[in-house]
Amino acid sequence: MSTVQQAIEVSAPLHEVYEQLADLENYPQFMTGVQEVTQVSDDRTHWVMNLDGELREFNAQLVECTMDQRVHWRSTDGPALEETITLRPVGETRTQVVAQLEADVAALMPSDRHASESLRKRLKADLQSFKRLIEHDPGFARMSGTAMTGASGIGMGQARPDRGMQAGALGEVPTPGIGHGTSIAYNSPAAVAARIGRSRMRGNPEDETF
């Protein structure tokens, strides 16, 4: 396993940055090799990645999502991959994003003799891609009010109408928090309706229960 860490400052308010990173379905837009992320339950996602030209699919669990502070997810099968993103305010309109990625580089990049260094460079590129998106793409940012929050103050990924996804860059960060049995509720009825609509289109009726 290799662990790399990178940090960047973005010109966006803390909560806006948190909302975009708490929605794991955004990750294909800025995370290297990620082609699709589908939220299948409150804390579970299904990932499709292109690893050295080979499509790999795996599931991941959202371990922690602390409002305006931290997002932590890890794979539960397939290649070992774990990311923790920590957020810190830098004034009212700037935010520091610290990303830590732990990965089985032999599985992710089997043909790369310098996989650990490549992983570090990819993480840096991912953060730069995220910075460009949140600072310059109005369609990516500026969408607040649909994040999920738990009764204990823990927030999770948000439901939004589906939009096209493209391969992007690789992100990361580690820290535990949310566990089974935590009560999760959307703070926006529109978000619930959007999520149910997406679940029906996917044919997953169990996702309609919150």
N, C-alpha and C. Protein backbone atom coordinates (compact mmCIF):
# COMPACT_ATOMS: atom_id res chain seq x y z
N MET A 1 0.84 -1.19 0.00
CA MET A 1 0.00 0.00 0.00
C MET A 1 0.88 1.25 0.00
N SER A 2 0.46 2.23 -0.75
CA SER A 2 1.16 3.51 -0.79
C SER A 2 0.21 4.62 -0.34
N THR A 3 0.77 5.58 0.39
CA THR A 3 -0.02 6.72 0.86
C THR A 3 0.60 8.00 0.33
N VAL A 4 -0.22 8.84 -0.30
CA VAL A 4 0.24 10.13 -0.80
C VAL A 4 -0.71 11.21 -0.29
N GLN A 5 -0.20 12.42 -0.19
CA GLN A 5 -1.02 13.53 0.30
C GLN A 5 -0.68 14.80 -0.47
N GLN A 6 -1.71 15.57 -0.81
CA GLN A 6 -1.54 16.84 -1.49
C GLN A 6 -2.55 17.83 -0.93
N ALA A 7 -2.24 19.12 -1.06
CA ALA A 7 -3.14 20.16 -0.58
C ALA A 7 -3.24 21.27 -1.63
N ILE A 8 -4.38 21.96 -1.60
CA ILE A 8 -4.58 23.07 -2.52
C ILE A 8 -5.57 24.04 -1.90
N GLU A 9 -5.49 25.31 -2.27
CA GLU A 9 -6.48 26.29 -1.86
C GLU A 9 -7.35 26.64 -3.05
N VAL A 10 -8.65 26.71 -2.81
CA VAL A 10 -9.59 27.05 -3.87
C VAL A 10 -10.36 28.30 -3.48
N SER A 11 -10.73 29.07 -4.49
CA SER A 11 -11.48 30.30 -4.25
C SER A 11 -12.96 29.99 -4.25
N ALA A 12 -13.41 29.41 -3.15
CA ALA A 12 -14.83 29.07 -2.98
C ALA A 12 -15.09 28.92 -1.49
N PRO A 13 -16.30 29.25 -1.03
CA PRO A 13 -16.62 29.13 0.40
C PRO A 13 -16.55 27.68 0.87
N LEU A 14 -16.26 27.50 2.15
CA LEU A 14 -16.09 26.18 2.74
C LEU A 14 -17.27 25.25 2.46
N HIS A 15 -18.49 25.70 2.71
CA HIS A 15 -19.64 24.81 2.57
C HIS A 15 -19.87 24.41 1.11
N GLU A 16 -19.59 25.31 0.20
CA GLU A 16 -19.75 24.99 -1.22
C GLU A 16 -18.77 23.89 -1.63
N VAL A 17 -17.53 23.98 -1.15
CA VAL A 17 -16.53 22.97 -1.45
C VAL A 17 -16.95 21.63 -0.84
N TYR A 18 -17.41 21.66 0.39
CA TYR A 18 -17.84 20.43 1.06
C TYR A 18 -18.97 19.76 0.28
N GLU A 19 -19.96 20.52 -0.15
CA GLU A 19 -21.10 19.93 -0.84
C GLU A 19 -20.68 19.19 -2.10
N GLN A 20 -19.72 19.75 -2.85
CA GLN A 20 -19.29 19.10 -4.08
C GLN A 20 -18.49 17.83 -3.80
N LEU A 21 -17.67 17.84 -2.75
CA LEU A 21 -16.85 16.67 -2.43
C LEU A 21 -17.64 15.60 -1.70
N ALA A 22 -18.71 15.97 -1.01
CA ALA A 22 -19.55 14.99 -0.31
C ALA A 22 -20.42 14.21 -1.28
N ASP A 23 -20.60 14.73 -2.49
CA ASP A 23 -21.36 14.03 -3.52
C ASP A 23 -20.38 13.24 -4.38
N LEU A 24 -20.21 11.95 -4.07
CA LEU A 24 -19.21 11.14 -4.76
C LEU A 24 -19.51 10.97 -6.24
N GLU A 25 -20.74 11.20 -6.65
CA GLU A 25 -21.08 11.09 -8.07
C GLU A 25 -20.43 12.21 -8.89
N ASN A 26 -19.88 13.22 -8.20
CA ASN A 26 -19.13 14.28 -8.90
C ASN A 26 -17.73 13.84 -9.29
N TYR A 27 -17.21 12.79 -8.68
CA TYR A 27 -15.79 12.47 -8.80
C TYR A 27 -15.31 12.16 -10.23
N PRO A 28 -16.15 11.58 -11.11
CA PRO A 28 -15.66 11.36 -12.47
C PRO A 28 -15.26 12.66 -13.20
N GLN A 29 -15.74 13.79 -12.70
CA GLN A 29 -15.41 15.05 -13.36
C GLN A 29 -14.01 15.55 -13.04
N PHE A 30 -13.40 15.03 -11.96
CA PHE A 30 -12.07 15.53 -11.63
C PHE A 30 -11.10 14.46 -11.15
N MET A 31 -11.51 13.21 -11.02
CA MET A 31 -10.64 12.17 -10.49
C MET A 31 -10.13 11.27 -11.62
N THR A 32 -8.83 11.19 -11.74
CA THR A 32 -8.19 10.47 -12.84
C THR A 32 -8.65 9.01 -12.92
N GLY A 33 -9.04 8.61 -14.11
CA GLY A 33 -9.40 7.22 -14.35
C GLY A 33 -10.80 6.84 -13.95
N VAL A 34 -11.52 7.68 -13.22
CA VAL A 34 -12.87 7.35 -12.77
C VAL A 34 -13.86 7.69 -13.88
N GLN A 35 -14.58 6.69 -14.35
CA GLN A 35 -15.54 6.90 -15.43
C GLN A 35 -16.96 7.10 -14.93
N GLU A 36 -17.31 6.44 -13.82
CA GLU A 36 -18.67 6.59 -13.31
C GLU A 36 -18.71 6.21 -11.83
N VAL A 37 -19.47 6.97 -11.05
CA VAL A 37 -19.76 6.64 -9.66
C VAL A 37 -21.26 6.73 -9.48
N THR A 38 -21.87 5.65 -9.00
CA THR A 38 -23.32 5.60 -8.81
C THR A 38 -23.62 5.37 -7.35
N GLN A 39 -24.42 6.23 -6.75
CA GLN A 39 -24.81 6.06 -5.35
C GLN A 39 -25.93 5.04 -5.29
N VAL A 40 -25.72 3.94 -4.57
CA VAL A 40 -26.72 2.87 -4.50
C VAL A 40 -27.44 2.83 -3.17
N SER A 41 -26.91 3.50 -2.17
CA SER A 41 -27.59 3.64 -0.88
C SER A 41 -26.99 4.85 -0.19
N ASP A 42 -27.44 5.14 1.03
CA ASP A 42 -26.97 6.33 1.71
C ASP A 42 -25.45 6.37 1.87
N ASP A 43 -24.83 5.22 2.10
CA ASP A 43 -23.38 5.22 2.33
C ASP A 43 -22.63 4.28 1.41
N ARG A 44 -23.27 3.83 0.31
CA ARG A 44 -22.62 2.91 -0.61
C ARG A 44 -22.64 3.46 -2.02
N THR A 45 -21.52 3.30 -2.73
CA THR A 45 -21.43 3.72 -4.12
C THR A 45 -20.80 2.62 -4.95
N HIS A 46 -21.10 2.63 -6.25
CA HIS A 46 -20.50 1.68 -7.19
C HIS A 46 -19.65 2.47 -8.16
N TRP A 47 -18.39 2.05 -8.32
CA TRP A 47 -17.42 2.78 -9.13
C TRP A 47 -17.03 1.98 -10.37
N VAL A 48 -16.80 2.70 -11.46
CA VAL A 48 -16.23 2.14 -12.69
C VAL A 48 -14.99 2.96 -13.00
N MET A 49 -13.83 2.29 -13.05
CA MET A 49 -12.56 2.98 -13.31
C MET A 49 -11.85 2.34 -14.49
N ASN A 50 -11.06 3.16 -15.18
CA ASN A 50 -10.19 2.68 -16.24
C ASN A 50 -8.78 2.63 -15.66
N LEU A 51 -8.29 1.44 -15.39
CA LEU A 51 -6.97 1.25 -14.80
C LEU A 51 -6.03 0.64 -15.82
N ASP A 52 -5.11 1.45 -16.32
CA ASP A 52 -4.16 0.99 -17.34
C ASP A 52 -4.87 0.38 -18.53
N GLY A 53 -5.96 1.00 -18.96
CA GLY A 53 -6.69 0.53 -20.13
C GLY A 53 -7.68 -0.58 -19.85
N GLU A 54 -7.76 -1.02 -18.61
CA GLU A 54 -8.69 -2.09 -18.24
C GLU A 54 -9.80 -1.54 -17.34
N LEU A 55 -11.05 -1.81 -17.73
CA LEU A 55 -12.18 -1.36 -16.93
C LEU A 55 -12.31 -2.23 -15.68
N ARG A 56 -12.37 -1.59 -14.52
CA ARG A 56 -12.54 -2.30 -13.26
C ARG A 56 -13.72 -1.69 -12.51
N GLU A 57 -14.52 -2.55 -11.90
CA GLU A 57 -15.66 -2.08 -11.11
C GLU A 57 -15.50 -2.54 -9.67
N PHE A 58 -15.90 -1.67 -8.75
CA PHE A 58 -15.84 -2.03 -7.34
C PHE A 58 -16.85 -1.20 -6.56
N ASN A 59 -17.09 -1.59 -5.33
CA ASN A 59 -18.00 -0.87 -4.45
C ASN A 59 -17.20 -0.14 -3.39
N ALA A 60 -17.76 0.96 -2.90
CA ALA A 60 -17.08 1.75 -1.86
C ALA A 60 -18.08 2.19 -0.81
N GLN A 61 -17.57 2.36 0.39
CA GLN A 61 -18.39 2.82 1.51
C GLN A 61 -17.97 4.22 1.92
N LEU A 62 -18.97 5.07 2.17
CA LEU A 62 -18.71 6.39 2.71
C LEU A 62 -18.57 6.24 4.22
N VAL A 63 -17.35 6.30 4.71
CA VAL A 63 -17.06 6.02 6.11
C VAL A 63 -17.39 7.22 7.00
N GLU A 64 -17.05 8.41 6.53
CA GLU A 64 -17.32 9.62 7.30
C GLU A 64 -17.65 10.77 6.36
N CYS A 65 -18.60 11.58 6.77
CA CYS A 65 -18.94 12.78 6.03
C CYS A 65 -19.36 13.82 7.06
N THR A 66 -18.41 14.53 7.60
CA THR A 66 -18.66 15.50 8.65
C THR A 66 -18.82 16.88 8.01
N MET A 67 -19.96 17.48 8.21
CA MET A 67 -20.31 18.73 7.54
C MET A 67 -19.19 19.76 7.63
N ASP A 68 -18.74 20.22 6.43
CA ASP A 68 -17.76 21.29 6.28
C ASP A 68 -16.39 20.96 6.88
N GLN A 69 -16.14 19.67 7.12
CA GLN A 69 -14.85 19.29 7.71
C GLN A 69 -14.15 18.16 6.96
N ARG A 70 -14.84 17.06 6.72
CA ARG A 70 -14.13 15.88 6.23
C ARG A 70 -15.05 14.95 5.45
N VAL A 71 -14.47 14.34 4.40
CA VAL A 71 -15.12 13.27 3.64
C VAL A 71 -14.15 12.11 3.56
N HIS A 72 -14.62 10.92 3.92
CA HIS A 72 -13.75 9.74 3.94
C HIS A 72 -14.49 8.57 3.34
N TRP A 73 -13.92 7.96 2.29
CA TRP A 73 -14.52 6.78 1.67
C TRP A 73 -13.43 5.75 1.42
N ARG A 74 -13.86 4.48 1.28
CA ARG A 74 -12.90 3.42 0.96
C ARG A 74 -13.59 2.31 0.19
N SER A 75 -12.83 1.64 -0.65
CA SER A 75 -13.38 0.53 -1.42
C SER A 75 -13.65 -0.65 -0.49
N THR A 76 -14.68 -1.42 -0.82
CA THR A 76 -15.02 -2.60 -0.02
C THR A 76 -14.74 -3.90 -0.78
N ASP A 77 -14.38 -3.79 -2.04
CA ASP A 77 -13.95 -4.93 -2.84
C ASP A 77 -13.09 -4.39 -3.97
N GLY A 78 -12.50 -5.28 -4.77
CA GLY A 78 -11.65 -4.83 -5.85
C GLY A 78 -10.35 -4.23 -5.33
N PRO A 79 -9.73 -3.31 -6.09
CA PRO A 79 -8.45 -2.73 -5.66
C PRO A 79 -8.61 -1.92 -4.38
N ALA A 80 -7.66 -2.07 -3.46
CA ALA A 80 -7.71 -1.32 -2.20
C ALA A 80 -7.48 0.16 -2.50
N LEU A 81 -8.45 0.98 -2.12
CA LEU A 81 -8.40 2.41 -2.40
C LEU A 81 -9.15 3.14 -1.30
N GLU A 82 -8.51 4.11 -0.69
CA GLU A 82 -9.12 4.83 0.43
C GLU A 82 -8.70 6.29 0.37
N GLU A 83 -9.66 7.16 0.55
CA GLU A 83 -9.37 8.58 0.43
C GLU A 83 -9.99 9.35 1.59
N THR A 84 -9.23 10.29 2.11
CA THR A 84 -9.75 11.19 3.14
C THR A 84 -9.50 12.62 2.68
N ILE A 85 -10.53 13.42 2.67
CA ILE A 85 -10.42 14.82 2.27
C ILE A 85 -10.79 15.68 3.47
N THR A 86 -9.86 16.52 3.87
CA THR A 86 -10.08 17.40 5.01
C THR A 86 -10.15 18.85 4.53
N LEU A 87 -11.14 19.57 5.02
CA LEU A 87 -11.36 20.95 4.59
C LEU A 87 -11.08 21.93 5.73
N ARG A 88 -10.46 23.05 5.39
CA ARG A 88 -10.18 24.09 6.37
C ARG A 88 -10.50 25.44 5.75
N PRO A 89 -11.25 26.30 6.45
CA PRO A 89 -11.56 27.62 5.90
C PRO A 89 -10.32 28.51 5.90
N VAL A 90 -10.18 29.29 4.83
CA VAL A 90 -9.11 30.28 4.74
C VAL A 90 -9.81 31.60 4.39
N GLY A 91 -10.38 32.23 5.39
CA GLY A 91 -11.21 33.39 5.13
C GLY A 91 -12.61 32.96 4.73
N GLU A 92 -13.43 33.92 4.31
CA GLU A 92 -14.83 33.63 4.00
C GLU A 92 -15.02 33.03 2.62
N THR A 93 -14.11 33.26 1.70
CA THR A 93 -14.33 32.83 0.32
C THR A 93 -13.22 31.92 -0.19
N ARG A 94 -12.37 31.41 0.67
CA ARG A 94 -11.33 30.48 0.26
C ARG A 94 -11.31 29.28 1.19
N THR A 95 -10.94 28.13 0.62
CA THR A 95 -10.93 26.88 1.39
C THR A 95 -9.69 26.08 1.04
N GLN A 96 -9.05 25.53 2.06
CA GLN A 96 -7.95 24.60 1.82
C GLN A 96 -8.49 23.18 1.76
N VAL A 97 -8.08 22.45 0.73
CA VAL A 97 -8.46 21.06 0.57
C VAL A 97 -7.22 20.20 0.72
N VAL A 98 -7.21 19.33 1.72
CA VAL A 98 -6.09 18.42 1.95
C VAL A 98 -6.58 17.00 1.64
N ALA A 99 -5.96 16.37 0.65
CA ALA A 99 -6.39 15.05 0.21
C ALA A 99 -5.31 14.02 0.51
N GLN A 100 -5.71 12.94 1.16
CA GLN A 100 -4.79 11.82 1.44
C GLN A 100 -5.35 10.57 0.79
N LEU A 101 -4.53 9.94 -0.02
CA LEU A 101 -4.96 8.76 -0.76
C LEU A 101 -4.08 7.57 -0.41
N GLU A 102 -4.73 6.49 -0.03
CA GLU A 102 -4.03 5.24 0.26
C GLU A 102 -4.49 4.22 -0.76
N ALA A 103 -3.56 3.61 -1.46
CA ALA A 103 -3.94 2.73 -2.56
C ALA A 103 -2.98 1.57 -2.73
N ASP A 104 -3.52 0.49 -3.27
CA ASP A 104 -2.70 -0.65 -3.69
C ASP A 104 -2.24 -0.34 -5.11
N VAL A 105 -1.07 0.28 -5.21
CA VAL A 105 -0.62 0.76 -6.52
C VAL A 105 -0.32 -0.39 -7.48
N ALA A 106 0.03 -1.55 -6.94
CA ALA A 106 0.29 -2.70 -7.81
C ALA A 106 -0.97 -3.11 -8.55
N ALA A 107 -2.13 -2.95 -7.91
CA ALA A 107 -3.41 -3.29 -8.54
C ALA A 107 -3.91 -2.16 -9.43
N LEU A 108 -3.68 -0.93 -8.99
CA LEU A 108 -4.16 0.22 -9.76
C LEU A 108 -3.33 0.47 -11.01
N MET A 109 -2.01 0.36 -10.88
CA MET A 109 -1.11 0.66 -12.01
C MET A 109 -0.05 -0.44 -12.12
N PRO A 110 -0.47 -1.65 -12.50
CA PRO A 110 0.45 -2.79 -12.48
C PRO A 110 1.65 -2.67 -13.40
N SER A 111 1.54 -1.88 -14.46
CA SER A 111 2.65 -1.78 -15.41
C SER A 111 3.54 -0.56 -15.17
N ASP A 112 3.26 0.20 -14.11
CA ASP A 112 4.02 1.40 -13.82
C ASP A 112 5.09 1.09 -12.77
N ARG A 113 6.35 1.19 -13.16
CA ARG A 113 7.46 0.88 -12.24
C ARG A 113 7.61 1.96 -11.17
N HIS A 114 7.05 3.13 -11.41
CA HIS A 114 7.13 4.23 -10.46
C HIS A 114 5.71 4.62 -10.03
N ALA A 115 4.96 3.61 -9.65
CA ALA A 115 3.53 3.81 -9.39
C ALA A 115 3.27 4.78 -8.25
N SER A 116 4.05 4.74 -7.20
CA SER A 116 3.82 5.63 -6.05
C SER A 116 3.99 7.09 -6.45
N GLU A 117 5.04 7.37 -7.21
CA GLU A 117 5.25 8.74 -7.67
C GLU A 117 4.15 9.16 -8.66
N SER A 118 3.74 8.24 -9.50
CA SER A 118 2.65 8.53 -10.44
C SER A 118 1.36 8.83 -9.69
N LEU A 119 1.13 8.09 -8.60
CA LEU A 119 -0.06 8.32 -7.80
C LEU A 119 -0.04 9.72 -7.19
N ARG A 120 1.13 10.14 -6.71
CA ARG A 120 1.26 11.48 -6.14
C ARG A 120 0.96 12.55 -7.19
N LYS A 121 1.49 12.35 -8.40
CA LYS A 121 1.25 13.32 -9.47
C LYS A 121 -0.22 13.34 -9.89
N ARG A 122 -0.84 12.18 -9.91
CA ARG A 122 -2.25 12.11 -10.29
C ARG A 122 -3.12 12.81 -9.25
N LEU A 123 -2.78 12.63 -7.98
CA LEU A 123 -3.55 13.30 -6.94
C LEU A 123 -3.44 14.82 -7.06
N LYS A 124 -2.23 15.28 -7.32
CA LYS A 124 -2.02 16.72 -7.50
C LYS A 124 -2.83 17.22 -8.68
N ALA A 125 -2.84 16.47 -9.77
CA ALA A 125 -3.60 16.86 -10.95
C ALA A 125 -5.10 16.86 -10.67
N ASP A 126 -5.54 15.90 -9.85
CA ASP A 126 -6.96 15.82 -9.51
C ASP A 126 -7.41 17.07 -8.74
N LEU A 127 -6.59 17.48 -7.77
CA LEU A 127 -6.93 18.67 -6.98
C LEU A 127 -6.94 19.91 -7.87
N GLN A 128 -6.03 19.99 -8.81
CA GLN A 128 -6.01 21.13 -9.72
C GLN A 128 -7.26 21.12 -10.62
N SER A 129 -7.68 19.92 -11.03
CA SER A 129 -8.90 19.81 -11.83
C SER A 129 -10.12 20.24 -11.03
N PHE A 130 -10.16 19.81 -9.75
CA PHE A 130 -11.27 20.21 -8.88
C PHE A 130 -11.28 21.73 -8.71
N LYS A 131 -10.12 22.32 -8.52
CA LYS A 131 -10.01 23.77 -8.36
C LYS A 131 -10.58 24.49 -9.58
N ARG A 132 -10.20 24.03 -10.78
CA ARG A 132 -10.70 24.67 -12.00
C ARG A 132 -12.22 24.55 -12.10
N LEU A 133 -12.74 23.38 -11.76
CA LEU A 133 -14.18 23.17 -11.87
C LEU A 133 -14.95 24.07 -10.91
N ILE A 134 -14.56 24.07 -9.65
CA ILE A 134 -15.36 24.80 -8.66
C ILE A 134 -15.20 26.31 -8.81
N GLU A 135 -14.07 26.75 -9.37
CA GLU A 135 -13.85 28.18 -9.54
C GLU A 135 -14.41 28.73 -10.84
N HIS A 136 -14.49 27.88 -11.87
CA HIS A 136 -14.82 28.41 -13.20
C HIS A 136 -16.01 27.76 -13.89
N ASP A 137 -16.57 26.68 -13.33
CA ASP A 137 -17.70 26.01 -13.99
C ASP A 137 -18.96 26.19 -13.16
N PRO A 138 -19.84 27.12 -13.53
CA PRO A 138 -21.05 27.36 -12.75
C PRO A 138 -21.95 26.14 -12.66
N GLY A 139 -21.88 25.24 -13.64
CA GLY A 139 -22.72 24.05 -13.62
C GLY A 139 -22.26 23.02 -12.60
N PHE A 140 -21.00 23.11 -12.20
CA PHE A 140 -20.45 22.17 -11.22
C PHE A 140 -20.70 22.67 -9.80
N ALA A 141 -20.38 23.91 -9.56
CA ALA A 141 -20.58 24.50 -8.24
C ALA A 141 -21.91 25.24 -8.19
N ARG A 142 -22.08 26.05 -7.17
CA ARG A 142 -23.27 26.88 -6.99
C ARG A 142 -24.54 26.06 -6.82
N MET A 143 -24.44 24.81 -6.41
CA MET A 143 -25.63 23.98 -6.24
C MET A 143 -25.69 23.55 -4.79
N SER A 144 -26.28 24.37 -3.96
CA SER A 144 -26.34 24.06 -2.53
C SER A 144 -27.77 23.80 -2.12
N GLY A 145 -27.93 23.33 -0.86
CA GLY A 145 -29.27 23.15 -0.32
C GLY A 145 -29.81 21.76 -0.49
N THR A 146 -29.03 20.81 -1.09
CA THR A 146 -29.55 19.46 -1.28
C THR A 146 -28.69 18.42 -0.59
N ALA A 147 -27.75 18.83 0.22
CA ALA A 147 -26.92 17.85 0.93
C ALA A 147 -27.73 17.16 2.00
N MET A 148 -27.39 15.90 2.27
CA MET A 148 -28.04 15.16 3.32
C MET A 148 -27.35 15.46 4.63
N THR A 149 -28.10 15.52 5.70
CA THR A 149 -27.50 15.69 7.00
C THR A 149 -28.07 14.68 7.96
N GLY A 150 -27.23 14.21 8.85
CA GLY A 150 -27.68 13.26 9.84
C GLY A 150 -28.13 13.96 11.10
N ALA A 151 -28.86 13.23 11.95
CA ALA A 151 -29.35 13.81 13.19
C ALA A 151 -28.22 14.25 14.09
N SER A 152 -27.06 13.63 13.94
CA SER A 152 -25.92 13.98 14.78
C SER A 152 -25.03 15.03 14.15
N GLY A 153 -25.49 15.65 13.06
CA GLY A 153 -24.72 16.71 12.42
C GLY A 153 -23.80 16.19 11.34
N ILE A 154 -23.94 14.93 10.94
CA ILE A 154 -23.11 14.36 9.90
C ILE A 154 -23.82 14.53 8.58
N GLY A 155 -23.12 15.04 7.58
CA GLY A 155 -23.72 15.24 6.27
C GLY A 155 -23.22 14.19 5.31
N MET A 156 -24.03 13.85 4.30
CA MET A 156 -23.61 12.88 3.31
C MET A 156 -23.83 13.43 1.93
N GLY A 157 -23.51 12.62 0.93
CA GLY A 157 -23.61 13.03 -0.46
C GLY A 157 -25.01 13.49 -0.81
N GLN A 158 -25.12 14.34 -1.81
CA GLN A 158 -26.40 14.91 -2.15
C GLN A 158 -26.98 14.30 -3.40
N ALA A 159 -28.30 14.35 -3.53
CA ALA A 159 -28.97 13.84 -4.71
C ALA A 159 -29.28 15.01 -5.62
N ARG A 160 -28.95 14.84 -6.90
CA ARG A 160 -29.22 15.89 -7.85
C ARG A 160 -29.67 15.25 -9.14
N PRO A 161 -30.36 15.97 -10.03
CA PRO A 161 -30.74 15.39 -11.31
C PRO A 161 -29.51 14.90 -12.04
N ASP A 162 -29.66 13.75 -12.74
CA ASP A 162 -28.52 13.19 -13.45
C ASP A 162 -28.00 14.15 -14.50
N ARG A 163 -26.69 14.16 -14.69
CA ARG A 163 -26.09 14.93 -15.76
C ARG A 163 -24.96 14.11 -16.33
N GLY A 164 -24.53 14.46 -17.53
CA GLY A 164 -23.46 13.70 -18.17
C GLY A 164 -22.20 13.72 -17.34
N MET A 165 -21.46 12.59 -17.35
CA MET A 165 -20.21 12.50 -16.59
C MET A 165 -19.07 12.21 -17.54
N GLN A 166 -17.92 12.70 -17.20
CA GLN A 166 -16.75 12.45 -18.01
C GLN A 166 -15.60 12.04 -17.12
N ALA A 167 -14.64 11.31 -17.73
CA ALA A 167 -13.48 10.90 -16.95
C ALA A 167 -12.73 12.13 -16.51
N GLY A 168 -12.22 12.11 -15.27
CA GLY A 168 -11.55 13.30 -14.77
C GLY A 168 -10.27 12.95 -14.05
N ALA A 169 -10.12 13.38 -12.77
CA ALA A 169 -8.89 13.19 -12.04
C ALA A 169 -9.07 12.52 -10.71
N LEU A 170 -7.99 12.12 -10.08
CA LEU A 170 -8.04 11.27 -8.89
C LEU A 170 -7.92 12.04 -7.59
N GLY A 171 -8.82 11.79 -6.62
CA GLY A 171 -8.78 12.50 -5.35
C GLY A 171 -8.51 11.57 -4.20
N GLU A 172 -8.56 12.04 -2.94
CA GLU A 172 -8.29 11.18 -1.81
C GLU A 172 -8.41 11.81 -0.44
N VAL A 173 -8.36 11.03 0.65
CA VAL A 173 -8.38 11.46 2.06
C VAL A 173 -8.89 10.40 3.03
N PRO A 174 -8.38 10.22 4.37
CA PRO A 174 -8.83 9.20 5.31
C PRO A 174 -9.30 9.70 6.67
N THR A 175 -10.41 9.15 7.22
CA THR A 175 -10.90 9.45 8.57
C THR A 175 -12.24 8.80 8.81
N PRO A 176 -12.46 8.11 9.95
CA PRO A 176 -13.71 7.42 10.21
C PRO A 176 -14.77 8.34 10.76
N GLY A 177 -16.02 7.88 10.78
CA GLY A 177 -17.04 8.74 11.35
C GLY A 177 -18.39 8.13 11.31
N ILE A 178 -18.99 8.08 10.13
CA ILE A 178 -20.36 7.64 10.07
C ILE A 178 -20.43 6.13 10.12
N GLY A 179 -21.35 5.59 10.87
CA GLY A 179 -21.45 4.15 11.00
C GLY A 179 -22.85 3.67 10.77
N HIS A 180 -23.03 2.37 10.80
CA HIS A 180 -24.35 1.80 10.60
C HIS A 180 -25.26 2.22 11.75
N GLY A 181 -26.52 2.43 11.43
CA GLY A 181 -27.48 2.79 12.45
C GLY A 181 -27.67 4.28 12.59
N THR A 182 -26.85 5.08 11.88
CA THR A 182 -27.02 6.52 11.94
C THR A 182 -28.26 6.92 11.16
N SER A 183 -29.08 7.78 11.72
CA SER A 183 -30.28 8.23 11.04
C SER A 183 -29.93 9.29 10.02
N ILE A 184 -30.29 9.07 8.76
CA ILE A 184 -29.97 9.99 7.69
C ILE A 184 -31.25 10.55 7.11
N ALA A 185 -31.28 11.83 6.85
CA ALA A 185 -32.47 12.44 6.25
C ALA A 185 -32.04 13.55 5.32
N TYR A 186 -32.76 13.73 4.24
CA TYR A 186 -32.50 14.83 3.34
C TYR A 186 -33.11 16.09 3.94
N ASN A 187 -32.45 17.22 3.73
CA ASN A 187 -33.02 18.46 4.21
C ASN A 187 -33.75 19.21 3.11
N SER A 188 -33.96 18.54 1.98
CA SER A 188 -34.68 19.17 0.87
C SER A 188 -35.62 18.16 0.24
N PRO A 189 -36.95 18.42 0.22
CA PRO A 189 -37.90 17.51 -0.44
C PRO A 189 -37.58 17.31 -1.90
N ALA A 190 -37.07 18.36 -2.55
CA ALA A 190 -36.72 18.23 -3.97
C ALA A 190 -35.61 17.21 -4.16
N ALA A 191 -34.68 17.17 -3.20
CA ALA A 191 -33.58 16.20 -3.30
C ALA A 191 -34.11 14.78 -3.18
N VAL A 192 -35.10 14.57 -2.29
CA VAL A 192 -35.70 13.25 -2.14
C VAL A 192 -36.36 12.83 -3.43
N ALA A 193 -37.13 13.73 -4.05
CA ALA A 193 -37.83 13.41 -5.28
C ALA A 193 -36.85 13.06 -6.39
N ALA A 194 -35.75 13.82 -6.47
CA ALA A 194 -34.75 13.55 -7.50
C ALA A 194 -34.12 12.19 -7.29
N ARG A 195 -33.81 11.85 -6.03
CA ARG A 195 -33.18 10.57 -5.72
C ARG A 195 -34.11 9.40 -6.03
N ILE A 196 -35.38 9.53 -5.67
CA ILE A 196 -36.34 8.47 -5.97
C ILE A 196 -36.47 8.27 -7.47
N GLY A 197 -36.49 9.38 -8.20
CA GLY A 197 -36.59 9.28 -9.65
C GLY A 197 -35.43 8.54 -10.24
N ARG A 198 -34.23 8.83 -9.74
CA ARG A 198 -33.05 8.14 -10.24
C ARG A 198 -33.09 6.66 -9.88
N SER A 199 -33.55 6.34 -8.69
CA SER A 199 -33.62 4.94 -8.25
C SER A 199 -34.57 4.15 -9.13
N ARG A 200 -35.70 4.75 -9.48
CA ARG A 200 -36.68 4.05 -10.33
C ARG A 200 -36.11 3.81 -11.71
N MET A 201 -35.37 4.80 -12.24
CA MET A 201 -34.78 4.61 -13.56
C MET A 201 -33.77 3.49 -13.55
N ARG A 202 -33.05 3.33 -12.39
CA ARG A 202 -32.06 2.26 -12.30
C ARG A 202 -32.70 0.91 -11.99
N GLY A 203 -33.97 0.93 -11.58
CA GLY A 203 -34.63 -0.33 -11.22
C GLY A 203 -34.26 -0.82 -9.87
N ASN A 204 -33.98 0.09 -8.91
CA ASN A 204 -33.62 -0.29 -7.55
C ASN A 204 -34.68 0.22 -6.59
N PRO A 205 -35.83 -0.45 -6.49
CA PRO A 205 -36.91 0.05 -5.65
C PRO A 205 -36.53 0.16 -4.19
N GLU A 206 -35.52 -0.61 -3.74
CA GLU A 206 -35.17 -0.52 -2.32
C GLU A 206 -34.56 0.83 -2.00
N ASP A 207 -34.02 1.53 -3.01
CA ASP A 207 -33.42 2.83 -2.77
C ASP A 207 -34.47 3.91 -2.53
N GLU A 208 -35.77 3.57 -2.68
CA GLU A 208 -36.80 4.55 -2.51
C GLU A 208 -37.17 4.73 -1.06
N THR A 209 -36.61 3.92 -0.18
CA THR A 209 -36.92 4.02 1.25
C THR A 209 -35.79 4.77 1.94
N PHE A 210 -36.14 5.80 2.69
CA PHE A 210 -35.12 6.61 3.35
C PHE A 210 -35.34 6.57 4.86
